[in-house]
């Protein structure tokens, strides 16, 4: 990273510094590499440490950097592309190519909105699957997948009372249904305590919440509520389908 003294510029000094740092990340650093400490960076660029912190904070918000306790500031891995829309997406969760990892499955009463969409009744439990998604060894998303008991009627014959095995059994049973379509909705939210812990973020951190309704037999058969780290994900639109990892050119971080 070369030495650059910042001249008087019309934009805030920290914003100009952010641009300079971003260019350096592209050309001189690889994913996971630790940046020099704040004192050395501030001296190299001839700025106050407060200005440097503002630039680093902005790059962290944009997903270019990650600050890890006990490690320092590192170059973030490529963002996960969250595909939104796409009328040609006709795969159940757990189908070939699905990169989510099942964690657990229990019978629980779902939130009222989910129960209403599944038409199960307010107090009737549904299969609640917990799945996780990682990129470059780091957690980027957590999912709750709600499946009505009527959607997988043969599951009772499977000897998998709980855990990841039960989750895989539910996913296998879903494949037996003919998927008629799916609808996605996306909103910006704040990480709840349980999501924050699973995603290695602080409670209240910005997240993207993608809700997907799966249709079979003329009704909603399952609902997915996937929470993505906003600093590591970006939305993509169109009919390409799936959730893809977008690798940047050469050593780019995003």
C-alpha atoms as a PDB file:
ATOM      1  CA  UNK A   1       0.000   0.000   0.000  1.00  0.00           C
ATOM      2  CA  UNK A   2       1.794   3.165  -1.201  1.00  0.00           C
ATOM      3  CA  UNK A   3       2.076   6.459   0.615  1.00  0.00           C
ATOM      4  CA  UNK A   4      -0.532   9.039  -0.438  1.00  0.00           C
ATOM      5  CA  UNK A   5      -0.837  12.506   1.120  1.00  0.00           C
ATOM      6  CA  UNK A   6      -4.402  13.721   0.781  1.00  0.00           C
ATOM      7  CA  UNK A   7      -4.841  17.164  -0.725  1.00  0.00           C
ATOM      8  CA  UNK A   8      -7.786  19.489  -0.251  1.00  0.00           C
ATOM      9  CA  UNK A   9     -10.771  17.821  -1.906  1.00  0.00           C
ATOM     10  CA  UNK A  10     -14.420  18.882  -2.273  1.00  0.00           C
ATOM     11  CA  UNK A  11     -15.683  15.689  -0.640  1.00  0.00           C
ATOM     12  CA  UNK A  12     -15.138  14.785   3.032  1.00  0.00           C
ATOM     13  CA  UNK A  13     -11.569  13.705   3.679  1.00  0.00           C
ATOM     14  CA  UNK A  14     -12.637  10.342   5.112  1.00  0.00           C
ATOM     15  CA  UNK A  15     -14.675   9.629   1.975  1.00  0.00           C
ATOM     16  CA  UNK A  16     -11.716  10.327  -0.286  1.00  0.00           C
ATOM     17  CA  UNK A  17      -9.570   8.155   1.969  1.00  0.00           C
ATOM     18  CA  UNK A  18     -12.137   5.374   1.662  1.00  0.00           C
ATOM     19  CA  UNK A  19     -11.717   5.458  -2.132  1.00  0.00           C
ATOM     20  CA  UNK A  20      -7.940   5.311  -1.840  1.00  0.00           C
ATOM     21  CA  UNK A  21      -8.115   2.421   0.627  1.00  0.00           C
ATOM     22  CA  UNK A  22     -10.590   0.561  -1.583  1.00  0.00           C
ATOM     23  CA  UNK A  23      -8.208   0.770  -4.538  1.00  0.00           C
ATOM     24  CA  UNK A  24      -5.395  -0.542  -2.341  1.00  0.00           C
ATOM     25  CA  UNK A  25      -7.555  -3.482  -1.226  1.00  0.00           C
ATOM     26  CA  UNK A  26      -8.081  -4.430  -4.869  1.00  0.00           C
ATOM     27  CA  UNK A  27      -4.432  -4.263  -5.848  1.00  0.00           C
ATOM     28  CA  UNK A  28      -2.402  -5.207  -2.793  1.00  0.00           C
ATOM     29  CA  UNK A  29      -4.429  -7.342  -0.405  1.00  0.00           C
ATOM     30  CA  UNK A  30      -6.102 -10.738  -0.545  1.00  0.00           C
ATOM     31  CA  UNK A  31      -9.200 -12.017   1.226  1.00  0.00           C
ATOM     32  CA  UNK A  32      -8.569 -12.617   4.925  1.00  0.00           C
ATOM     33  CA  UNK A  33      -5.355 -10.593   5.014  1.00  0.00           C
ATOM     34  CA  UNK A  34      -4.892  -8.388   8.071  1.00  0.00           C
ATOM     35  CA  UNK A  35      -4.444  -4.663   7.468  1.00  0.00           C
ATOM     36  CA  UNK A  36      -1.700  -2.659   9.217  1.00  0.00           C
ATOM     37  CA  UNK A  37      -2.728  -1.095  12.520  1.00  0.00           C
ATOM     38  CA  UNK A  38      -4.516   2.253  12.634  1.00  0.00           C
ATOM     39  CA  UNK A  39      -1.432   4.194  13.734  1.00  0.00           C
ATOM     40  CA  UNK A  40       0.616   2.982  10.761  1.00  0.00           C
ATOM     41  CA  UNK A  41      -2.210   3.540   8.284  1.00  0.00           C
ATOM     42  CA  UNK A  42      -2.896   7.044   9.574  1.00  0.00           C
ATOM     43  CA  UNK A  43       0.799   7.958   9.295  1.00  0.00           C
ATOM     44  CA  UNK A  44       1.059   6.478   5.807  1.00  0.00           C
ATOM     45  CA  UNK A  45      -1.840   8.501   4.470  1.00  0.00           C
ATOM     46  CA  UNK A  46      -1.178  11.627   6.489  1.00  0.00           C
ATOM     47  CA  UNK A  47      -4.563  11.738   8.208  1.00  0.00           C
ATOM     48  CA  UNK A  48      -5.823  11.816  11.756  1.00  0.00           C
ATOM     49  CA  UNK A  49      -6.795   8.488  13.257  1.00  0.00           C
ATOM     50  CA  UNK A  50     -10.379   9.745  13.631  1.00  0.00           C
ATOM     51  CA  UNK A  51     -10.525  10.273   9.847  1.00  0.00           C
ATOM     52  CA  UNK A  52      -9.051   6.834   9.252  1.00  0.00           C
ATOM     53  CA  UNK A  53     -11.618   5.216  11.552  1.00  0.00           C
ATOM     54  CA  UNK A  54     -14.456   6.871   9.616  1.00  0.00           C
ATOM     55  CA  UNK A  55     -13.088   5.479   6.349  1.00  0.00           C
ATOM     56  CA  UNK A  56     -12.629   2.007   7.817  1.00  0.00           C
ATOM     57  CA  UNK A  57     -16.129   2.049   9.272  1.00  0.00           C
ATOM     58  CA  UNK A  58     -17.573   2.946   5.871  1.00  0.00           C
ATOM     59  CA  UNK A  59     -15.651   0.141   4.171  1.00  0.00           C
ATOM     60  CA  UNK A  60     -16.930  -2.245   6.824  1.00  0.00           C
ATOM     61  CA  UNK A  61     -20.517  -1.151   6.147  1.00  0.00           C
ATOM     62  CA  UNK A  62     -19.949  -1.749   2.436  1.00  0.00           C
ATOM     63  CA  UNK A  63     -18.690  -5.258   3.139  1.00  0.00           C
ATOM     64  CA  UNK A  64     -15.099  -4.647   2.067  1.00  0.00           C
ATOM     65  CA  UNK A  65     -13.616  -5.101   5.544  1.00  0.00           C
ATOM     66  CA  UNK A  66     -14.344  -7.105   8.657  1.00  0.00           C
ATOM     67  CA  UNK A  67     -13.279  -6.184  12.156  1.00  0.00           C
ATOM     68  CA  UNK A  68     -12.674  -9.278  14.258  1.00  0.00           C
ATOM     69  CA  UNK A  69     -11.967  -9.191  17.963  1.00  0.00           C
ATOM     70  CA  UNK A  70      -8.518 -10.468  18.793  1.00  0.00           C
ATOM     71  CA  UNK A  71      -7.501 -10.453  15.127  1.00  0.00           C
ATOM     72  CA  UNK A  72      -7.832  -6.946  13.728  1.00  0.00           C
ATOM     73  CA  UNK A  73      -9.214  -5.561  10.489  1.00  0.00           C
ATOM     74  CA  UNK A  74      -9.215  -8.053   7.633  1.00  0.00           C
ATOM     75  CA  UNK A  75     -10.223  -7.993   3.973  1.00  0.00           C
ATOM     76  CA  UNK A  76     -13.736  -9.424   3.706  1.00  0.00           C
ATOM     77  CA  UNK A  77     -14.569 -12.419   1.512  1.00  0.00           C
ATOM     78  CA  UNK A  78     -16.702 -12.007  -1.640  1.00  0.00           C
ATOM     79  CA  UNK A  79     -20.306 -11.094  -1.007  1.00  0.00           C
ATOM     80  CA  UNK A  80     -23.045 -13.679  -1.323  1.00  0.00           C
ATOM     81  CA  UNK A  81     -25.492 -12.913  -4.128  1.00  0.00           C
ATOM     82  CA  UNK A  82     -29.063 -13.347  -2.903  1.00  0.00           C
ATOM     83  CA  UNK A  83     -31.259 -13.997  -5.949  1.00  0.00           C
ATOM     84  CA  UNK A  84     -34.619 -12.239  -5.637  1.00  0.00           C
ATOM     85  CA  UNK A  85     -37.486 -13.037  -7.987  1.00  0.00           C
ATOM     86  CA  UNK A  86     -36.958 -15.411 -10.839  1.00  0.00           C
ATOM     87  CA  UNK A  87     -40.054 -17.168 -12.084  1.00  0.00           C
ATOM     88  CA  UNK A  88     -37.950 -20.091 -13.252  1.00  0.00           C
ATOM     89  CA  UNK A  89     -36.850 -21.090  -9.750  1.00  0.00           C
ATOM     90  CA  UNK A  90     -38.687 -24.364  -9.164  1.00  0.00           C
ATOM     91  CA  UNK A  91     -36.656 -26.249  -6.592  1.00  0.00           C
ATOM     92  CA  UNK A  92     -37.577 -27.169  -3.055  1.00  0.00           C
ATOM     93  CA  UNK A  93     -35.106 -26.423  -0.258  1.00  0.00           C
ATOM     94  CA  UNK A  94     -32.674 -29.304   0.010  1.00  0.00           C
ATOM     95  CA  UNK A  95     -32.629 -30.024  -3.735  1.00  0.00           C
ATOM     96  CA  UNK A  96     -29.369 -30.754  -5.552  1.00  0.00           C
ATOM     97  CA  UNK A  97     -27.121 -27.723  -5.456  1.00  0.00           C
ATOM     98  CA  UNK A  98     -28.654 -26.291  -2.269  1.00  0.00           C
ATOM     99  CA  UNK A  99     -25.743 -25.027  -0.153  1.00  0.00           C
ATOM    100  CA  UNK A 100     -27.668 -24.599   3.108  1.00  0.00           C
ATOM    101  CA  UNK A 101     -26.646 -26.939   5.922  1.00  0.00           C
ATOM    102  CA  UNK A 102     -29.391 -28.440   8.146  1.00  0.00           C
ATOM    103  CA  UNK A 103     -28.840 -27.826  11.849  1.00  0.00           C
ATOM    104  CA  UNK A 104     -31.995 -28.908  13.654  1.00  0.00           C
ATOM    105  CA  UNK A 105     -35.693 -29.646  13.276  1.00  0.00           C
ATOM    106  CA  UNK A 106     -38.406 -29.444  15.918  1.00  0.00           C
ATOM    107  CA  UNK A 107     -42.184 -29.248  16.119  1.00  0.00           C
ATOM    108  CA  UNK A 108     -43.075 -25.706  17.198  1.00  0.00           C
ATOM    109  CA  UNK A 109     -46.001 -23.306  17.005  1.00  0.00           C
ATOM    110  CA  UNK A 110     -44.916 -20.763  14.353  1.00  0.00           C
ATOM    111  CA  UNK A 111     -45.420 -16.991  14.395  1.00  0.00           C
ATOM    112  CA  UNK A 112     -49.026 -15.975  13.738  1.00  0.00           C
ATOM    113  CA  UNK A 113     -48.294 -14.667  10.233  1.00  0.00           C
ATOM    114  CA  UNK A 114     -46.653 -17.971   9.272  1.00  0.00           C
ATOM    115  CA  UNK A 115     -49.516 -20.016  10.710  1.00  0.00           C
ATOM    116  CA  UNK A 116     -52.026 -17.922   8.760  1.00  0.00           C
ATOM    117  CA  UNK A 117     -50.114 -18.390   5.494  1.00  0.00           C
ATOM    118  CA  UNK A 118     -49.767 -22.136   6.043  1.00  0.00           C
ATOM    119  CA  UNK A 119     -53.422 -22.350   7.146  1.00  0.00           C
ATOM    120  CA  UNK A 120     -52.487 -24.600  10.046  1.00  0.00           C
ATOM    121  CA  UNK A 121     -54.345 -22.893  12.850  1.00  0.00           C
ATOM    122  CA  UNK A 122     -52.903 -20.518  15.432  1.00  0.00           C
ATOM    123  CA  UNK A 123     -51.912 -23.175  17.993  1.00  0.00           C
ATOM    124  CA  UNK A 124     -50.907 -26.073  15.771  1.00  0.00           C
ATOM    125  CA  UNK A 125     -47.166 -26.859  15.618  1.00  0.00           C
ATOM    126  CA  UNK A 126     -45.307 -27.182  12.331  1.00  0.00           C
ATOM    127  CA  UNK A 127     -41.951 -28.656  11.381  1.00  0.00           C
ATOM    128  CA  UNK A 128     -39.415 -25.883  12.059  1.00  0.00           C
ATOM    129  CA  UNK A 129     -36.053 -26.455  10.384  1.00  0.00           C
ATOM    130  CA  UNK A 130     -32.970 -24.447  11.228  1.00  0.00           C
ATOM    131  CA  UNK A 131     -30.345 -24.208   8.531  1.00  0.00           C
ATOM    132  CA  UNK A 132     -27.141 -22.215   8.112  1.00  0.00           C
ATOM    133  CA  UNK A 133     -25.118 -20.839   5.225  1.00  0.00           C
ATOM    134  CA  UNK A 134     -21.375 -20.134   5.214  1.00  0.00           C
ATOM    135  CA  UNK A 135     -18.938 -18.497   2.814  1.00  0.00           C
ATOM    136  CA  UNK A 136     -15.180 -18.836   3.103  1.00  0.00           C
ATOM    137  CA  UNK A 137     -15.689 -20.569   6.423  1.00  0.00           C
ATOM    138  CA  UNK A 138     -17.703 -17.730   7.957  1.00  0.00           C
ATOM    139  CA  UNK A 139     -21.450 -17.651   8.710  1.00  0.00           C
ATOM    140  CA  UNK A 140     -23.393 -15.406   6.332  1.00  0.00           C
ATOM    141  CA  UNK A 141     -27.010 -16.498   6.762  1.00  0.00           C
ATOM    142  CA  UNK A 142     -29.407 -18.340   9.060  1.00  0.00           C
ATOM    143  CA  UNK A 143     -32.760 -19.764   8.001  1.00  0.00           C
ATOM    144  CA  UNK A 144     -35.973 -20.881   9.638  1.00  0.00           C
ATOM    145  CA  UNK A 145     -37.962 -23.132   7.298  1.00  0.00           C
ATOM    146  CA  UNK A 146     -41.559 -23.784   8.368  1.00  0.00           C
ATOM    147  CA  UNK A 147     -43.231 -26.864   6.864  1.00  0.00           C
ATOM    148  CA  UNK A 148     -46.857 -27.761   7.562  1.00  0.00           C
ATOM    149  CA  UNK A 149     -47.384 -31.308   8.817  1.00  0.00           C
ATOM    150  CA  UNK A 150     -49.869 -31.857   5.988  1.00  0.00           C
ATOM    151  CA  UNK A 151     -47.096 -31.185   3.462  1.00  0.00           C
ATOM    152  CA  UNK A 152     -45.046 -34.171   4.669  1.00  0.00           C
ATOM    153  CA  UNK A 153     -47.675 -36.680   5.907  1.00  0.00           C
ATOM    154  CA  UNK A 154     -45.355 -39.700   5.684  1.00  0.00           C
ATOM    155  CA  UNK A 155     -42.724 -38.207   7.956  1.00  0.00           C
ATOM    156  CA  UNK A 156     -44.155 -39.886  11.063  1.00  0.00           C
ATOM    157  CA  UNK A 157     -42.880 -43.216   9.781  1.00  0.00           C
ATOM    158  CA  UNK A 158     -39.270 -41.978   9.775  1.00  0.00           C
ATOM    159  CA  UNK A 159     -37.221 -42.719  12.874  1.00  0.00           C
ATOM    160  CA  UNK A 160     -35.497 -39.349  13.200  1.00  0.00           C
ATOM    161  CA  UNK A 161     -37.042 -37.570  16.180  1.00  0.00           C
ATOM    162  CA  UNK A 162     -34.909 -34.409  16.077  1.00  0.00           C
ATOM    163  CA  UNK A 163     -31.686 -32.794  14.981  1.00  0.00           C
ATOM    164  CA  UNK A 164     -30.104 -32.506  11.538  1.00  0.00           C
ATOM    165  CA  UNK A 165     -31.274 -36.021  10.603  1.00  0.00           C
ATOM    166  CA  UNK A 166     -34.885 -34.993  11.149  1.00  0.00           C
ATOM    167  CA  UNK A 167     -34.320 -31.863   9.075  1.00  0.00           C
ATOM    168  CA  UNK A 168     -32.919 -33.903   6.199  1.00  0.00           C
ATOM    169  CA  UNK A 169     -35.907 -36.262   6.428  1.00  0.00           C
ATOM    170  CA  UNK A 170     -38.344 -33.331   6.099  1.00  0.00           C
ATOM    171  CA  UNK A 171     -36.407 -31.979   3.118  1.00  0.00           C
ATOM    172  CA  UNK A 172     -36.499 -35.394   1.417  1.00  0.00           C
ATOM    173  CA  UNK A 173     -40.265 -35.607   1.904  1.00  0.00           C
ATOM    174  CA  UNK A 174     -40.718 -32.153   0.383  1.00  0.00           C
ATOM    175  CA  UNK A 175     -39.087 -33.378  -2.823  1.00  0.00           C
ATOM    176  CA  UNK A 176     -42.041 -35.732  -3.300  1.00  0.00           C
ATOM    177  CA  UNK A 177     -44.385 -32.788  -3.818  1.00  0.00           C
ATOM    178  CA  UNK A 178     -44.791 -31.020  -7.137  1.00  0.00           C
ATOM    179  CA  UNK A 179     -43.616 -27.465  -6.595  1.00  0.00           C
ATOM    180  CA  UNK A 180     -46.019 -25.118  -8.347  1.00  0.00           C
ATOM    181  CA  UNK A 181     -44.133 -21.898  -7.678  1.00  0.00           C
ATOM    182  CA  UNK A 182     -42.493 -19.648  -5.138  1.00  0.00           C
ATOM    183  CA  UNK A 183     -42.663 -16.003  -4.100  1.00  0.00           C
ATOM    184  CA  UNK A 184     -39.898 -13.943  -2.512  1.00  0.00           C
ATOM    185  CA  UNK A 185     -40.035 -10.799  -0.404  1.00  0.00           C
ATOM    186  CA  UNK A 186     -37.024  -8.870   0.896  1.00  0.00           C
ATOM    187  CA  UNK A 187     -36.708  -6.319   3.670  1.00  0.00           C
ATOM    188  CA  UNK A 188     -33.929  -4.674   5.625  1.00  0.00           C
ATOM    189  CA  UNK A 189     -33.996  -5.496   9.317  1.00  0.00           C
ATOM    190  CA  UNK A 190     -31.962  -5.684  12.511  1.00  0.00           C
ATOM    191  CA  UNK A 191     -30.446  -8.882  13.859  1.00  0.00           C
ATOM    192  CA  UNK A 192     -32.289 -10.393  16.791  1.00  0.00           C
ATOM    193  CA  UNK A 193     -30.214 -11.823  19.636  1.00  0.00           C
ATOM    194  CA  UNK A 194     -30.410 -15.425  18.377  1.00  0.00           C
ATOM    195  CA  UNK A 195     -29.653 -14.490  14.760  1.00  0.00           C
ATOM    196  CA  UNK A 196     -26.796 -12.217  15.836  1.00  0.00           C
ATOM    197  CA  UNK A 197     -25.168 -15.017  17.808  1.00  0.00           C
ATOM    198  CA  UNK A 198     -25.415 -17.449  14.902  1.00  0.00           C
ATOM    199  CA  UNK A 199     -24.136 -14.885  12.387  1.00  0.00           C
ATOM    200  CA  UNK A 200     -21.300 -13.680  14.633  1.00  0.00           C
ATOM    201  CA  UNK A 201     -22.708 -10.136  14.736  1.00  0.00           C
ATOM    202  CA  UNK A 202     -23.893  -7.796  17.466  1.00  0.00           C
ATOM    203  CA  UNK A 203     -27.635  -7.624  18.175  1.00  0.00           C
ATOM    204  CA  UNK A 204     -29.176  -4.870  16.075  1.00  0.00           C
ATOM    205  CA  UNK A 205     -26.666  -5.245  13.225  1.00  0.00           C
ATOM    206  CA  UNK A 206     -28.228  -4.675   9.767  1.00  0.00           C
ATOM    207  CA  UNK A 207     -29.493  -7.820   8.061  1.00  0.00           C
ATOM    208  CA  UNK A 208     -31.428  -8.724   4.923  1.00  0.00           C
ATOM    209  CA  UNK A 209     -34.508 -10.840   5.587  1.00  0.00           C
ATOM    210  CA  UNK A 210     -35.670 -12.893   2.601  1.00  0.00           C
ATOM    211  CA  UNK A 211     -39.062 -14.565   3.026  1.00  0.00           C
ATOM    212  CA  UNK A 212     -39.991 -17.246   0.495  1.00  0.00           C
ATOM    213  CA  UNK A 213     -43.372 -18.958   0.156  1.00  0.00           C
ATOM    214  CA  UNK A 214     -43.450 -22.340  -1.600  1.00  0.00           C
ATOM    215  CA  UNK A 215     -46.688 -23.439  -3.280  1.00  0.00           C
ATOM    216  CA  UNK A 216     -47.923 -26.997  -3.830  1.00  0.00           C
ATOM    217  CA  UNK A 217     -51.418 -28.393  -4.198  1.00  0.00           C
ATOM    218  CA  UNK A 218     -52.874 -24.922  -4.587  1.00  0.00           C
ATOM    219  CA  UNK A 219     -51.684 -23.697  -1.186  1.00  0.00           C
ATOM    220  CA  UNK A 220     -48.609 -22.572   0.710  1.00  0.00           C
ATOM    221  CA  UNK A 221     -46.758 -25.751   1.689  1.00  0.00           C
ATOM    222  CA  UNK A 222     -43.668 -24.202   3.305  1.00  0.00           C
ATOM    223  CA  UNK A 223     -42.246 -20.822   4.244  1.00  0.00           C
ATOM    224  CA  UNK A 224     -38.575 -19.885   4.527  1.00  0.00           C
ATOM    225  CA  UNK A 225     -37.368 -16.895   6.540  1.00  0.00           C
ATOM    226  CA  UNK A 226     -33.673 -16.443   5.759  1.00  0.00           C
ATOM    227  CA  UNK A 227     -31.610 -13.797   7.541  1.00  0.00           C
ATOM    228  CA  UNK A 228     -28.464 -12.648   5.714  1.00  0.00           C
ATOM    229  CA  UNK A 229     -25.655 -10.468   7.019  1.00  0.00           C
ATOM    230  CA  UNK A 230     -26.114  -7.157   5.212  1.00  0.00           C
ATOM    231  CA  UNK A 231     -22.353  -6.534   5.192  1.00  0.00           C
ATOM    232  CA  UNK A 232     -21.617  -9.738   3.257  1.00  0.00           C
ATOM    233  CA  UNK A 233     -24.603 -10.014   0.896  1.00  0.00           C
ATOM    234  CA  UNK A 234     -25.984  -8.259  -2.147  1.00  0.00           C
ATOM    235  CA  UNK A 235     -29.286  -8.673  -3.951  1.00  0.00           C
ATOM    236  CA  UNK A 236     -29.470  -9.958  -7.519  1.00  0.00           C
ATOM    237  CA  UNK A 237     -32.563  -9.899  -9.705  1.00  0.00           C
ATOM    238  CA  UNK A 238     -33.723 -11.999 -12.652  1.00  0.00           C
ATOM    239  CA  UNK A 239     -34.402 -15.596 -13.597  1.00  0.00           C
ATOM    240  CA  UNK A 240     -30.914 -17.007 -13.054  1.00  0.00           C
ATOM    241  CA  UNK A 241     -32.137 -18.840  -9.954  1.00  0.00           C
ATOM    242  CA  UNK A 242     -30.432 -19.969  -6.776  1.00  0.00           C
ATOM    243  CA  UNK A 243     -28.112 -18.222  -4.369  1.00  0.00           C
ATOM    244  CA  UNK A 244     -24.634 -17.923  -5.799  1.00  0.00           C
ATOM    245  CA  UNK A 245     -21.211 -16.972  -4.491  1.00  0.00           C
ATOM    246  CA  UNK A 246     -19.911 -14.160  -6.697  1.00  0.00           C
ATOM    247  CA  UNK A 247     -16.118 -14.314  -6.927  1.00  0.00           C
ATOM    248  CA  UNK A 248     -14.428 -11.058  -7.821  1.00  0.00           C
ATOM    249  CA  UNK A 249     -11.630 -10.768 -10.438  1.00  0.00           C
ATOM    250  CA  UNK A 250      -8.222 -11.884  -9.222  1.00  0.00           C
ATOM    251  CA  UNK A 251      -7.795 -10.740  -5.623  1.00  0.00           C
ATOM    252  CA  UNK A 252     -10.761  -8.370  -5.361  1.00  0.00           C
ATOM    253  CA  UNK A 253     -12.663  -8.568  -2.116  1.00  0.00           C
ATOM    254  CA  UNK A 254     -16.107  -8.112  -3.655  1.00  0.00           C
END
